[in-house]
Amino acid sequence: MKFDPTDQHQVLAVLSQRVCVDTVLFSSEALKLAERSVASHMRLLTGFAPDQQTFYTYSPSEPILALGAAQLLYNGKNDVLGRVLDTFSTNLCETGLVEKGLLGELAGRTLLTVARDLAAPKKLNGYSPNLLTPVLIMGFLDKLFGNEVWYGSHRDNFRMAFEGTYVNFTHWVVTRDPLPDRPSK
């Protein structure tokens, strides 16, 4: 089966691997989405609300699937990512099938992921980002802000502060447990 960036089931599966998408399911359309997602797209049914009318699903963290998802998003057609994000926004977020999180958490994860992908060196095919190679933080910030003038007259200060620093991630994981106040040794 070929990836279809307008199919909400496929879009949910691909973006779930990259930006950690939770779904809140309470309509007949949502239940169909859940059934197919759990049966065919590696989502887990994680619970029911006390009223038994709302279902919660989750996509587990699988780094190899995150890399595969990136391959689908950047397969050589310039419009794939845009079409995926349009389908995601229109068919899943606006309809209330996806939990967007507090204070734009999902949007933030999406923006950071796309900026990281665009800052990555390209693989030999010239399209797919090499997500195994860390990227310089300044290149990441330039992609995040969409230009190289976000720093104003302070470019040299930022460059010196972040010289030799890198960022690298392939996907997001939301933890329900708080991080410890003090990390263990």
C-alpha atoms as a PDB file:
ATOM      1  CA  MET A   1       0.000   0.000   0.000  1.00  0.00           C
ATOM      2  CA  LYS A   2       1.322   3.427  -0.961  1.00  0.00           C
ATOM      3  CA  PHE A   3       1.312   6.204   1.651  1.00  0.00           C
ATOM      4  CA  ASP A   4      -1.587   8.621   1.154  1.00  0.00           C
ATOM      5  CA  PRO A   5      -1.059  12.029   2.830  1.00  0.00           C
ATOM      6  CA  THR A   6      -4.813  12.686   2.702  1.00  0.00           C
ATOM      7  CA  ASP A   7      -5.828   9.489   4.541  1.00  0.00           C
ATOM      8  CA  GLN A   8      -6.466  10.403   8.196  1.00  0.00           C
ATOM      9  CA  HIS A   9      -5.605   6.873   9.386  1.00  0.00           C
ATOM     10  CA  GLN A  10      -2.207   6.914   7.702  1.00  0.00           C
ATOM     11  CA  VAL A  11      -1.525  10.503   8.747  1.00  0.00           C
ATOM     12  CA  LEU A  12      -2.352   9.687  12.361  1.00  0.00           C
ATOM     13  CA  ALA A  13      -0.061   6.648  12.243  1.00  0.00           C
ATOM     14  CA  VAL A  14       2.876   8.580  10.752  1.00  0.00           C
ATOM     15  CA  LEU A  15       2.619  11.666  12.966  1.00  0.00           C
ATOM     16  CA  SER A  16       1.978   9.573  16.073  1.00  0.00           C
ATOM     17  CA  GLN A  17       5.440   8.115  15.637  1.00  0.00           C
ATOM     18  CA  ARG A  18       7.065  11.528  15.366  1.00  0.00           C
ATOM     19  CA  VAL A  19       5.154  13.985  17.576  1.00  0.00           C
ATOM     20  CA  CYS A  20       3.417  11.734  20.115  1.00  0.00           C
ATOM     21  CA  VAL A  21      -0.249  12.186  19.244  1.00  0.00           C
ATOM     22  CA  ASP A  22      -2.877  11.194  21.797  1.00  0.00           C
ATOM     23  CA  THR A  23      -6.448  10.669  20.693  1.00  0.00           C
ATOM     24  CA  VAL A  24      -9.618  11.259  22.647  1.00  0.00           C
ATOM     25  CA  LEU A  25     -12.415   9.221  21.163  1.00  0.00           C
ATOM     26  CA  PHE A  26     -16.068   9.799  21.880  1.00  0.00           C
ATOM     27  CA  SER A  27     -17.986   9.773  18.593  1.00  0.00           C
ATOM     28  CA  SER A  28     -18.848   6.987  16.169  1.00  0.00           C
ATOM     29  CA  GLU A  29     -16.291   8.393  13.690  1.00  0.00           C
ATOM     30  CA  ALA A  30     -13.684   8.466  16.446  1.00  0.00           C
ATOM     31  CA  LEU A  31     -14.419   4.883  17.423  1.00  0.00           C
ATOM     32  CA  LYS A  32     -13.874   3.780  13.807  1.00  0.00           C
ATOM     33  CA  LEU A  33     -10.578   5.674  13.807  1.00  0.00           C
ATOM     34  CA  ALA A  34      -9.575   3.958  17.055  1.00  0.00           C
ATOM     35  CA  GLU A  35     -10.526   0.507  15.808  1.00  0.00           C
ATOM     36  CA  ARG A  36      -8.509   0.842  12.622  1.00  0.00           C
ATOM     37  CA  SER A  37      -5.583   2.555  14.365  1.00  0.00           C
ATOM     38  CA  VAL A  38      -5.331  -0.123  17.028  1.00  0.00           C
ATOM     39  CA  ALA A  39      -5.833  -2.968  14.535  1.00  0.00           C
ATOM     40  CA  SER A  40      -3.549  -1.723  11.746  1.00  0.00           C
ATOM     41  CA  HIS A  41      -1.303   1.130  12.861  1.00  0.00           C
ATOM     42  CA  MET A  42       0.358   0.038  16.124  1.00  0.00           C
ATOM     43  CA  ARG A  43      -1.751   2.224  18.436  1.00  0.00           C
ATOM     44  CA  LEU A  44      -2.668   0.967  21.868  1.00  0.00           C
ATOM     45  CA  LEU A  45      -6.053   1.311  23.509  1.00  0.00           C
ATOM     46  CA  THR A  46      -5.081   2.729  26.887  1.00  0.00           C
ATOM     47  CA  GLY A  47      -8.341   3.346  28.639  1.00  0.00           C
ATOM     48  CA  PHE A  48     -11.940   4.386  28.920  1.00  0.00           C
ATOM     49  CA  ALA A  49     -13.507   7.311  30.717  1.00  0.00           C
ATOM     50  CA  PRO A  50     -15.854   6.426  33.599  1.00  0.00           C
ATOM     51  CA  ASP A  51     -18.852   7.147  31.352  1.00  0.00           C
ATOM     52  CA  GLN A  52     -17.652   4.375  28.977  1.00  0.00           C
ATOM     53  CA  GLN A  53     -18.255   6.757  26.058  1.00  0.00           C
ATOM     54  CA  THR A  54     -14.724   8.107  25.702  1.00  0.00           C
ATOM     55  CA  PHE A  55     -11.754   5.987  24.588  1.00  0.00           C
ATOM     56  CA  TYR A  56      -8.077   6.904  24.868  1.00  0.00           C
ATOM     57  CA  THR A  57      -5.382   5.588  22.546  1.00  0.00           C
ATOM     58  CA  TYR A  58      -1.634   6.038  22.464  1.00  0.00           C
ATOM     59  CA  SER A  59       1.228   5.237  20.115  1.00  0.00           C
ATOM     60  CA  PRO A  60       4.269   3.666  21.819  1.00  0.00           C
ATOM     61  CA  SER A  61       7.753   5.103  21.386  1.00  0.00           C
ATOM     62  CA  GLU A  62       9.506   3.110  18.649  1.00  0.00           C
ATOM     63  CA  PRO A  63      12.615   4.845  17.229  1.00  0.00           C
ATOM     64  CA  ILE A  64      12.756   2.691  14.093  1.00  0.00           C
ATOM     65  CA  LEU A  65       9.133   3.574  13.309  1.00  0.00           C
ATOM     66  CA  ALA A  66       9.930   7.267  13.829  1.00  0.00           C
ATOM     67  CA  LEU A  67      12.693   6.965  11.220  1.00  0.00           C
ATOM     68  CA  GLY A  68      10.315   5.161   8.854  1.00  0.00           C
ATOM     69  CA  ALA A  69       7.700   7.866   9.375  1.00  0.00           C
ATOM     70  CA  ALA A  70      10.273  10.547   8.497  1.00  0.00           C
ATOM     71  CA  GLN A  71      11.088   8.633   5.317  1.00  0.00           C
ATOM     72  CA  LEU A  72       7.414   8.807   4.308  1.00  0.00           C
ATOM     73  CA  LEU A  73       7.167  12.525   5.115  1.00  0.00           C
ATOM     74  CA  TYR A  74      10.242  13.415   3.052  1.00  0.00           C
ATOM     75  CA  ASN A  75       9.999  10.976   0.159  1.00  0.00           C
ATOM     76  CA  GLY A  76      10.998  13.352  -2.600  1.00  0.00           C
ATOM     77  CA  LYS A  77       7.697  15.088  -3.203  1.00  0.00           C
ATOM     78  CA  ASN A  78       7.869  18.601  -1.847  1.00  0.00           C
ATOM     79  CA  ASP A  79       4.192  18.700  -0.931  1.00  0.00           C
ATOM     80  CA  VAL A  80       3.977  15.524   1.211  1.00  0.00           C
ATOM     81  CA  LEU A  81       4.726  17.175   4.552  1.00  0.00           C
ATOM     82  CA  GLY A  82       2.372  20.087   3.831  1.00  0.00           C
ATOM     83  CA  ARG A  83      -0.435  17.745   2.773  1.00  0.00           C
ATOM     84  CA  VAL A  84       0.088  15.573   5.845  1.00  0.00           C
ATOM     85  CA  LEU A  85      -0.063  18.583   8.153  1.00  0.00           C
ATOM     86  CA  ASP A  86      -3.164  19.871   6.347  1.00  0.00           C
ATOM     87  CA  THR A  87      -4.925  16.513   6.741  1.00  0.00           C
ATOM     88  CA  PHE A  88      -3.833  16.340  10.368  1.00  0.00           C
ATOM     89  CA  SER A  89      -5.064  19.842  11.164  1.00  0.00           C
ATOM     90  CA  THR A  90      -8.323  19.651   9.235  1.00  0.00           C
ATOM     91  CA  ASN A  91      -9.411  16.037   9.678  1.00  0.00           C
ATOM     92  CA  LEU A  92      -8.042  15.221  13.121  1.00  0.00           C
ATOM     93  CA  CYS A  93      -7.361  18.348  15.199  1.00  0.00           C
ATOM     94  CA  GLU A  94     -10.280  20.552  14.125  1.00  0.00           C
ATOM     95  CA  THR A  95     -12.728  17.669  14.462  1.00  0.00           C
ATOM     96  CA  GLY A  96     -11.602  17.022  18.039  1.00  0.00           C
ATOM     97  CA  LEU A  97     -10.223  13.525  17.412  1.00  0.00           C
ATOM     98  CA  VAL A  98      -6.751  14.486  18.620  1.00  0.00           C
ATOM     99  CA  GLU A  99      -5.798  15.799  22.060  1.00  0.00           C
ATOM    100  CA  LYS A 100      -3.877  19.006  21.342  1.00  0.00           C
ATOM    101  CA  GLY A 101      -2.544  19.378  24.879  1.00  0.00           C
ATOM    102  CA  LEU A 102      -2.199  22.341  27.161  1.00  0.00           C
ATOM    103  CA  LEU A 103      -0.721  25.564  25.837  1.00  0.00           C
ATOM    104  CA  GLY A 104      -0.139  24.204  22.335  1.00  0.00           C
ATOM    105  CA  GLU A 105       2.018  21.234  23.327  1.00  0.00           C
ATOM    106  CA  LEU A 106       1.247  19.344  20.126  1.00  0.00           C
ATOM    107  CA  ALA A 107       1.923  22.402  17.975  1.00  0.00           C
ATOM    108  CA  GLY A 108       5.210  22.964  19.810  1.00  0.00           C
ATOM    109  CA  ARG A 109       6.327  19.362  19.305  1.00  0.00           C
ATOM    110  CA  THR A 110       5.383  19.589  15.634  1.00  0.00           C
ATOM    111  CA  LEU A 111       7.269  22.865  15.057  1.00  0.00           C
ATOM    112  CA  LEU A 112      10.395  21.606  16.815  1.00  0.00           C
ATOM    113  CA  THR A 113      10.320  18.306  14.920  1.00  0.00           C
ATOM    114  CA  VAL A 114       9.938  19.949  11.508  1.00  0.00           C
ATOM    115  CA  ALA A 115      12.720  22.465  12.300  1.00  0.00           C
ATOM    116  CA  ARG A 116      15.027  19.633  13.374  1.00  0.00           C
ATOM    117  CA  ASP A 117      14.206  17.668  10.210  1.00  0.00           C
ATOM    118  CA  LEU A 118      14.865  20.656   7.954  1.00  0.00           C
ATOM    119  CA  ALA A 119      18.181  21.416   9.691  1.00  0.00           C
ATOM    120  CA  ALA A 120      19.431  17.845   9.204  1.00  0.00           C
ATOM    121  CA  PRO A 121      21.785  16.958   6.373  1.00  0.00           C
ATOM    122  CA  LYS A 122      20.035  15.154   3.535  1.00  0.00           C
ATOM    123  CA  LYS A 123      20.551  11.470   2.791  1.00  0.00           C
ATOM    124  CA  LEU A 124      21.966  10.379  -0.523  1.00  0.00           C
ATOM    125  CA  ASN A 125      18.492  10.500  -2.114  1.00  0.00           C
ATOM    126  CA  GLY A 126      18.580  14.279  -1.574  1.00  0.00           C
ATOM    127  CA  TYR A 127      15.170  14.432   0.127  1.00  0.00           C
ATOM    128  CA  SER A 128      15.080  12.527   3.395  1.00  0.00           C
ATOM    129  CA  PRO A 129      16.772  14.065   6.417  1.00  0.00           C
ATOM    130  CA  ASN A 130      19.502  12.044   8.067  1.00  0.00           C
ATOM    131  CA  LEU A 131      18.014  11.971  11.563  1.00  0.00           C
ATOM    132  CA  LEU A 132      20.896   9.973  12.965  1.00  0.00           C
ATOM    133  CA  THR A 133      23.271  12.909  12.528  1.00  0.00           C
ATOM    134  CA  PRO A 134      23.085  15.636  15.187  1.00  0.00           C
ATOM    135  CA  VAL A 135      22.601  19.198  13.899  1.00  0.00           C
ATOM    136  CA  LEU A 136      24.236  22.385  15.099  1.00  0.00           C
ATOM    137  CA  ILE A 137      21.935  24.292  17.427  1.00  0.00           C
ATOM    138  CA  MET A 138      22.361  27.492  15.367  1.00  0.00           C
ATOM    139  CA  GLY A 139      21.176  25.699  12.214  1.00  0.00           C
ATOM    140  CA  PHE A 140      18.233  24.300  14.159  1.00  0.00           C
ATOM    141  CA  LEU A 141      17.297  27.758  15.481  1.00  0.00           C
ATOM    142  CA  ASP A 142      17.586  29.266  11.994  1.00  0.00           C
ATOM    143  CA  LYS A 143      15.122  26.679  10.665  1.00  0.00           C
ATOM    144  CA  LEU A 144      12.842  27.053  13.686  1.00  0.00           C
ATOM    145  CA  PHE A 145      12.537  30.810  13.212  1.00  0.00           C
ATOM    146  CA  GLY A 146      12.485  30.540   9.418  1.00  0.00           C
ATOM    147  CA  ASN A 147      15.428  32.799   8.705  1.00  0.00           C
ATOM    148  CA  GLU A 148      18.868  33.877   9.826  1.00  0.00           C
ATOM    149  CA  VAL A 149      17.887  37.327  11.106  1.00  0.00           C
ATOM    150  CA  TRP A 150      16.035  36.296  14.281  1.00  0.00           C
ATOM    151  CA  TYR A 151      19.126  37.104  16.325  1.00  0.00           C
ATOM    152  CA  GLY A 152      19.286  40.772  15.313  1.00  0.00           C
ATOM    153  CA  SER A 153      22.737  42.219  15.890  1.00  0.00           C
ATOM    154  CA  HIS A 154      23.651  39.451  18.341  1.00  0.00           C
ATOM    155  CA  ARG A 155      24.542  36.650  15.895  1.00  0.00           C
ATOM    156  CA  ASP A 156      28.170  36.510  17.044  1.00  0.00           C
ATOM    157  CA  ASN A 157      27.079  36.304  20.707  1.00  0.00           C
ATOM    158  CA  PHE A 158      24.726  33.418  19.951  1.00  0.00           C
ATOM    159  CA  ARG A 159      27.322  31.694  17.787  1.00  0.00           C
ATOM    160  CA  MET A 160      29.938  31.926  20.556  1.00  0.00           C
ATOM    161  CA  ALA A 161      27.485  30.789  23.236  1.00  0.00           C
ATOM    162  CA  PHE A 162      26.327  27.767  21.231  1.00  0.00           C
ATOM    163  CA  GLU A 163      29.537  26.987  19.356  1.00  0.00           C
ATOM    164  CA  GLY A 164      29.972  23.251  19.067  1.00  0.00           C
ATOM    165  CA  THR A 165      26.546  22.452  20.554  1.00  0.00           C
ATOM    166  CA  TYR A 166      24.179  20.082  18.841  1.00  0.00           C
ATOM    167  CA  VAL A 167      20.617  18.870  19.097  1.00  0.00           C
ATOM    168  CA  ASN A 168      19.391  15.455  18.055  1.00  0.00           C
ATOM    169  CA  PHE A 169      16.028  13.768  18.402  1.00  0.00           C
ATOM    170  CA  THR A 170      13.796  11.699  16.157  1.00  0.00           C
ATOM    171  CA  HIS A 171      10.502  11.761  18.037  1.00  0.00           C
ATOM    172  CA  TRP A 172       8.724  12.763  21.236  1.00  0.00           C
ATOM    173  CA  VAL A 173       7.574  10.757  24.211  1.00  0.00           C
ATOM    174  CA  VAL A 174       5.142  12.160  26.755  1.00  0.00           C
ATOM    175  CA  THR A 175       5.717  10.924  30.261  1.00  0.00           C
ATOM    176  CA  ARG A 176       2.915  10.889  32.769  1.00  0.00           C
ATOM    177  CA  ASP A 177       5.342  10.715  35.697  1.00  0.00           C
ATOM    178  CA  PRO A 178       7.157  13.828  36.861  1.00  0.00           C
ATOM    179  CA  LEU A 179      10.903  13.911  36.347  1.00  0.00           C
ATOM    180  CA  PRO A 180      12.906  13.666  39.563  1.00  0.00           C
ATOM    181  CA  ASP A 181      14.016  16.935  41.145  1.00  0.00           C
ATOM    182  CA  ARG A 182      17.550  15.670  41.117  1.00  0.00           C
ATOM    183  CA  PRO A 183      18.853  13.185  38.532  1.00  0.00           C
ATOM    184  CA  SER A 184      20.541  10.048  39.794  1.00  0.00           C
ATOM    185  CA  LYS A 185      24.261   9.557  39.270  1.00  0.00           C
END
